[in-house]
Structure formats: C-alpha cells, structure tokens
Amino acid sequence: MFKQLMVAIMICGGVLFICSKIYEKVKCKNSKELQNHRIKNLAADCGAKEKRQHTRIKTGQPLLIFCNDLTGAIPATSGDMSLSGAFIKCNESLGLGTILKVEFLNEPRLPIMTAQVVWSNSGVSQERILNRGIGVRFSNVSPETRKALELVLSSN
C-alpha cells in the first residue's frame, strides 16, 4: 500500500511539474520574461524575497570604474543593467558599501554615475562562479539620467 501511495505521489508531482512548465511558456511572452518568471519562482521556492525592483537587461557595455580608495581607473564590463543598478564584471576586489563612479565608454547619453557596491563575489573561489564581479545600486539618479538609462536599456 505504501509503495502504491509513493508511486501515485510521484506521478502527480510529475504531472504538476509538466503543467507548470506549459503554463510558464503560455503566460510569458518571450524568453527574457520566462527567465525572470523562473528566477522569481526559484527565489520564492527557496524562501527568499526578490529584492530587485526593475528588470535587468544584458548589456555588455565597456566601463571604467573610479574608486576613492584606488588611484586610476578600473576597466570593467557591465553584465546586466537596470534602472536601479547593474552587475559589473571586474577582477578588482571591492568591499560592500564602496562608493564608485561609473563611466559608460560607448554610451555618450549617460553621464558618469555614482553607485554603491551592494554585492560581491570576491570571496568565492573561481571554480564556483561564471564571472568575477560586483553588484551596484545607482544613487542620486536625476530625472534626465533616468530618461537616458531608459533609452539605453530599451535599445539593448
């Protein structure tokens, strides 16, 4: 009896999984929306709360980072970006809370922006990560800069 019950539960679980995948594909209009939907569901399944307020767009923009603690510019690349922040690929180890100036080299519409490091994978071994980098939150974004960010993100 127990074996039969376990088989029934496994079959029901499989059917529910397949139905959820079909629902995701019907509900989501494109692959980016589907990816965001899955990330939110994964976060919910793990009991984590999604903190991002804006959708992230893959950009791959070349950047220069300026930090008060270091002399000179740090070459970097944006991995993805939103209206409120970005993932920046760089090999420099920057601590949480560090204030930066970020210059977008190929984007003249964007001024040099101030950002704060809110996440870093510098303490994680290289084997466990795809890209070494930091997560930043833009600060003091003027209405003009926000408008320029919207244009840049919509063109990617």
C-alpha atoms as a PDB file:
ATOM      1  CA  MET A   1       0.000   0.000   0.000  1.00  0.00           C
ATOM      2  CA  PHE A   2       2.814   2.428   0.918  1.00  0.00           C
ATOM      3  CA  LYS A   3       4.621   1.693  -2.361  1.00  0.00           C
ATOM      4  CA  GLN A   4       1.457   2.404  -4.366  1.00  0.00           C
ATOM      5  CA  LEU A   5       0.918   5.672  -2.499  1.00  0.00           C
ATOM      6  CA  MET A   6       4.507   6.797  -3.211  1.00  0.00           C
ATOM      7  CA  VAL A   7       4.132   5.948  -6.918  1.00  0.00           C
ATOM      8  CA  ALA A   8       0.868   7.943  -7.062  1.00  0.00           C
ATOM      9  CA  ILE A   9       2.532  10.930  -5.375  1.00  0.00           C
ATOM     10  CA  MET A  10       5.489  10.773  -7.784  1.00  0.00           C
ATOM     11  CA  ILE A  11       3.157  10.635 -10.813  1.00  0.00           C
ATOM     12  CA  CYS A  12       1.087  13.574  -9.520  1.00  0.00           C
ATOM     13  CA  GLY A  13       4.272  15.556  -8.856  1.00  0.00           C
ATOM     14  CA  GLY A  14       5.494  14.894 -12.391  1.00  0.00           C
ATOM     15  CA  VAL A  15       2.156  15.941 -13.894  1.00  0.00           C
ATOM     16  CA  LEU A  16       2.158  19.144 -11.822  1.00  0.00           C
ATOM     17  CA  PHE A  17       5.730  19.901 -12.916  1.00  0.00           C
ATOM     18  CA  ILE A  18       4.862  19.447 -16.602  1.00  0.00           C
ATOM     19  CA  CYS A  19       1.708  21.573 -16.233  1.00  0.00           C
ATOM     20  CA  SER A  20       3.679  24.359 -14.548  1.00  0.00           C
ATOM     21  CA  LYS A  21       6.221  24.388 -17.411  1.00  0.00           C
ATOM     22  CA  ILE A  22       3.418  24.570 -20.022  1.00  0.00           C
ATOM     23  CA  TYR A  23       1.766  27.374 -18.024  1.00  0.00           C
ATOM     24  CA  GLU A  24       5.067  29.304 -17.894  1.00  0.00           C
ATOM     25  CA  LYS A  25       5.512  29.100 -21.658  1.00  0.00           C
ATOM     26  CA  VAL A  26       1.947  30.201 -22.377  1.00  0.00           C
ATOM     27  CA  LYS A  27       1.962  33.010 -19.803  1.00  0.00           C
ATOM     28  CA  CYS A  28       5.363  34.508 -20.717  1.00  0.00           C
ATOM     29  CA  LYS A  29       5.662  36.418 -23.986  1.00  0.00           C
ATOM     30  CA  ASN A  30       9.410  35.934 -24.600  1.00  0.00           C
ATOM     31  CA  SER A  31      12.470  34.130 -23.291  1.00  0.00           C
ATOM     32  CA  LYS A  32      13.594  37.081 -21.107  1.00  0.00           C
ATOM     33  CA  GLU A  33      10.201  37.202 -19.405  1.00  0.00           C
ATOM     34  CA  LEU A  34      10.293  33.417 -18.966  1.00  0.00           C
ATOM     35  CA  GLN A  35      13.775  33.642 -17.394  1.00  0.00           C
ATOM     36  CA  ASN A  36      12.619  36.365 -14.955  1.00  0.00           C
ATOM     37  CA  HIS A  37       9.499  34.315 -14.122  1.00  0.00           C
ATOM     38  CA  ARG A  38      11.649  31.268 -13.284  1.00  0.00           C
ATOM     39  CA  ILE A  39      14.082  33.310 -11.176  1.00  0.00           C
ATOM     40  CA  LYS A  40      11.226  34.771  -9.128  1.00  0.00           C
ATOM     41  CA  ASN A  41       9.695  31.306  -8.641  1.00  0.00           C
ATOM     42  CA  LEU A  42      13.070  29.842  -7.648  1.00  0.00           C
ATOM     43  CA  ALA A  43      13.565  32.640  -5.116  1.00  0.00           C
ATOM     44  CA  ALA A  44      10.071  32.030  -3.733  1.00  0.00           C
ATOM     45  CA  ASP A  45      10.668  28.258  -3.536  1.00  0.00           C
ATOM     46  CA  CYS A  46      13.843  28.879  -1.517  1.00  0.00           C
ATOM     47  CA  GLY A  47      12.012  31.224   0.836  1.00  0.00           C
ATOM     48  CA  ALA A  48      14.000  34.202  -0.451  1.00  0.00           C
ATOM     49  CA  LYS A  49      12.392  37.511  -1.296  1.00  0.00           C
ATOM     50  CA  GLU A  50      13.221  39.033  -4.687  1.00  0.00           C
ATOM     51  CA  LYS A  51      14.766  42.439  -3.931  1.00  0.00           C
ATOM     52  CA  ARG A  52      15.148  43.737  -7.465  1.00  0.00           C
ATOM     53  CA  GLN A  53      12.672  46.417  -8.418  1.00  0.00           C
ATOM     54  CA  HIS A  54      13.468  46.602 -12.139  1.00  0.00           C
ATOM     55  CA  THR A  55      14.053  44.069 -14.901  1.00  0.00           C
ATOM     56  CA  ARG A  56      17.690  43.511 -15.743  1.00  0.00           C
ATOM     57  CA  ILE A  57      18.853  43.696 -19.360  1.00  0.00           C
ATOM     58  CA  LYS A  58      22.075  42.072 -20.635  1.00  0.00           C
ATOM     59  CA  THR A  59      24.258  44.907 -21.912  1.00  0.00           C
ATOM     60  CA  GLY A  60      27.963  44.069 -22.152  1.00  0.00           C
ATOM     61  CA  GLN A  61      28.941  47.765 -22.058  1.00  0.00           C
ATOM     62  CA  PRO A  62      32.644  48.605 -21.569  1.00  0.00           C
ATOM     63  CA  LEU A  63      33.090  50.680 -18.407  1.00  0.00           C
ATOM     64  CA  LEU A  64      35.629  52.465 -16.319  1.00  0.00           C
ATOM     65  CA  ILE A  65      35.198  52.416 -12.548  1.00  0.00           C
ATOM     66  CA  PHE A  66      36.694  55.073 -10.329  1.00  0.00           C
ATOM     67  CA  CYS A  67      37.026  54.421  -6.614  1.00  0.00           C
ATOM     68  CA  ASN A  68      38.266  56.836  -3.933  1.00  0.00           C
ATOM     69  CA  ASP A  69      40.430  54.113  -2.374  1.00  0.00           C
ATOM     70  CA  LEU A  70      42.296  53.379  -5.609  1.00  0.00           C
ATOM     71  CA  THR A  71      44.198  55.630  -7.942  1.00  0.00           C
ATOM     72  CA  GLY A  72      43.350  55.329 -11.611  1.00  0.00           C
ATOM     73  CA  ALA A  73      40.503  53.720 -13.450  1.00  0.00           C
ATOM     74  CA  ILE A  74      39.480  50.079 -13.230  1.00  0.00           C
ATOM     75  CA  PRO A  75      38.483  48.595 -16.608  1.00  0.00           C
ATOM     76  CA  ALA A  76      35.222  46.634 -16.415  1.00  0.00           C
ATOM     77  CA  THR A  77      32.179  45.462 -18.386  1.00  0.00           C
ATOM     78  CA  SER A  78      28.503  45.574 -17.483  1.00  0.00           C
ATOM     79  CA  GLY A  79      26.996  42.110 -17.339  1.00  0.00           C
ATOM     80  CA  ASP A  80      23.456  43.330 -16.992  1.00  0.00           C
ATOM     81  CA  MET A  81      21.805  46.588 -16.037  1.00  0.00           C
ATOM     82  CA  SER A  82      18.505  48.025 -14.842  1.00  0.00           C
ATOM     83  CA  LEU A  83      17.175  51.439 -13.902  1.00  0.00           C
ATOM     84  CA  SER A  84      18.394  50.923 -10.344  1.00  0.00           C
ATOM     85  CA  GLY A  85      21.704  49.079 -10.685  1.00  0.00           C
ATOM     86  CA  ALA A  86      23.992  46.719 -12.553  1.00  0.00           C
ATOM     87  CA  PHE A  87      26.186  43.655 -12.345  1.00  0.00           C
ATOM     88  CA  ILE A  88      29.699  44.764 -13.253  1.00  0.00           C
ATOM     89  CA  LYS A  89      32.317  42.228 -14.339  1.00  0.00           C
ATOM     90  CA  CYS A  90      35.695  43.215 -12.925  1.00  0.00           C
ATOM     91  CA  ASN A  91      38.655  41.478 -11.306  1.00  0.00           C
ATOM     92  CA  GLU A  92      39.167  44.126  -8.615  1.00  0.00           C
ATOM     93  CA  SER A  93      38.007  43.187  -5.124  1.00  0.00           C
ATOM     94  CA  LEU A  94      35.751  45.997  -3.883  1.00  0.00           C
ATOM     95  CA  GLY A  95      34.100  45.865  -0.480  1.00  0.00           C
ATOM     96  CA  LEU A  96      30.403  46.190   0.255  1.00  0.00           C
ATOM     97  CA  GLY A  97      29.378  49.813   0.686  1.00  0.00           C
ATOM     98  CA  THR A  98      32.199  51.146  -1.515  1.00  0.00           C
ATOM     99  CA  ILE A  99      31.120  54.253  -3.442  1.00  0.00           C
ATOM    100  CA  LEU A 100      32.122  54.291  -7.110  1.00  0.00           C
ATOM    101  CA  LYS A 101      31.905  56.492 -10.165  1.00  0.00           C
ATOM    102  CA  VAL A 102      30.925  54.521 -13.263  1.00  0.00           C
ATOM    103  CA  GLU A 103      31.681  55.757 -16.776  1.00  0.00           C
ATOM    104  CA  PHE A 104      29.981  54.072 -19.744  1.00  0.00           C
ATOM    105  CA  LEU A 105      32.600  54.266 -22.507  1.00  0.00           C
ATOM    106  CA  ASN A 106      30.366  53.572 -25.515  1.00  0.00           C
ATOM    107  CA  GLU A 107      27.295  55.392 -24.259  1.00  0.00           C
ATOM    108  CA  PRO A 108      27.578  59.198 -24.561  1.00  0.00           C
ATOM    109  CA  ARG A 109      23.932  59.605 -23.483  1.00  0.00           C
ATOM    110  CA  LEU A 110      24.847  58.511 -19.950  1.00  0.00           C
ATOM    111  CA  PRO A 111      26.809  60.771 -17.627  1.00  0.00           C
ATOM    112  CA  ILE A 112      29.325  59.396 -15.139  1.00  0.00           C
ATOM    113  CA  MET A 113      27.108  57.810 -12.493  1.00  0.00           C
ATOM    114  CA  THR A 114      27.560  57.311  -8.767  1.00  0.00           C
ATOM    115  CA  ALA A 115      26.956  53.786  -7.493  1.00  0.00           C
ATOM    116  CA  GLN A 116      27.386  51.785  -4.293  1.00  0.00           C
ATOM    117  CA  VAL A 117      28.616  48.191  -4.112  1.00  0.00           C
ATOM    118  CA  VAL A 118      25.780  46.092  -2.646  1.00  0.00           C
ATOM    119  CA  TRP A 119      27.003  42.610  -3.621  1.00  0.00           C
ATOM    120  CA  SER A 120      30.330  40.987  -4.437  1.00  0.00           C
ATOM    121  CA  ASN A 121      31.548  37.510  -5.268  1.00  0.00           C
ATOM    122  CA  SER A 122      35.183  38.345  -4.487  1.00  0.00           C
ATOM    123  CA  GLY A 123      35.221  35.870  -1.592  1.00  0.00           C
ATOM    124  CA  VAL A 124      34.003  32.967  -3.718  1.00  0.00           C
ATOM    125  CA  SER A 125      36.508  30.588  -5.318  1.00  0.00           C
ATOM    126  CA  GLN A 126      36.952  30.988  -9.088  1.00  0.00           C
ATOM    127  CA  GLU A 127      35.703  27.445  -9.792  1.00  0.00           C
ATOM    128  CA  ARG A 128      32.281  28.287  -8.378  1.00  0.00           C
ATOM    129  CA  ILE A 129      31.497  31.438 -10.377  1.00  0.00           C
ATOM    130  CA  LEU A 130      30.852  32.334 -14.003  1.00  0.00           C
ATOM    131  CA  ASN A 131      32.018  35.963 -13.876  1.00  0.00           C
ATOM    132  CA  ARG A 132      34.010  37.729 -11.181  1.00  0.00           C
ATOM    133  CA  GLY A 133      32.271  40.972 -10.307  1.00  0.00           C
ATOM    134  CA  ILE A 134      30.113  43.226  -8.173  1.00  0.00           C
ATOM    135  CA  GLY A 135      26.502  44.288  -7.944  1.00  0.00           C
ATOM    136  CA  VAL A 136      25.961  48.033  -7.668  1.00  0.00           C
ATOM    137  CA  ARG A 137      22.987  50.260  -6.910  1.00  0.00           C
ATOM    138  CA  PHE A 138      22.931  53.601  -8.694  1.00  0.00           C
ATOM    139  CA  SER A 139      22.490  56.587  -6.387  1.00  0.00           C
ATOM    140  CA  ASN A 140      21.374  60.175  -6.903  1.00  0.00           C
ATOM    141  CA  VAL A 141      19.905  59.433 -10.336  1.00  0.00           C
ATOM    142  CA  SER A 142      18.492  62.645 -11.801  1.00  0.00           C
ATOM    143  CA  PRO A 143      15.332  62.578 -13.951  1.00  0.00           C
ATOM    144  CA  GLU A 144      17.485  63.303 -17.028  1.00  0.00           C
ATOM    145  CA  THR A 145      19.842  60.416 -16.246  1.00  0.00           C
ATOM    146  CA  ARG A 146      16.896  58.092 -15.608  1.00  0.00           C
ATOM    147  CA  LYS A 147      15.453  59.028 -19.014  1.00  0.00           C
ATOM    148  CA  ALA A 148      18.838  58.337 -20.657  1.00  0.00           C
ATOM    149  CA  LEU A 149      19.049  54.964 -18.847  1.00  0.00           C
ATOM    150  CA  GLU A 150      15.573  54.057 -20.117  1.00  0.00           C
ATOM    151  CA  LEU A 151      16.674  54.842 -23.691  1.00  0.00           C
ATOM    152  CA  VAL A 152      19.878  52.833 -23.362  1.00  0.00           C
ATOM    153  CA  LEU A 153      18.076  49.831 -21.860  1.00  0.00           C
ATOM    154  CA  SER A 154      15.281  49.892 -24.434  1.00  0.00           C
ATOM    155  CA  SER A 155      17.839  49.848 -27.263  1.00  0.00           C
ATOM    156  CA  ASN A 156      19.511  46.644 -25.964  1.00  0.00           C
END
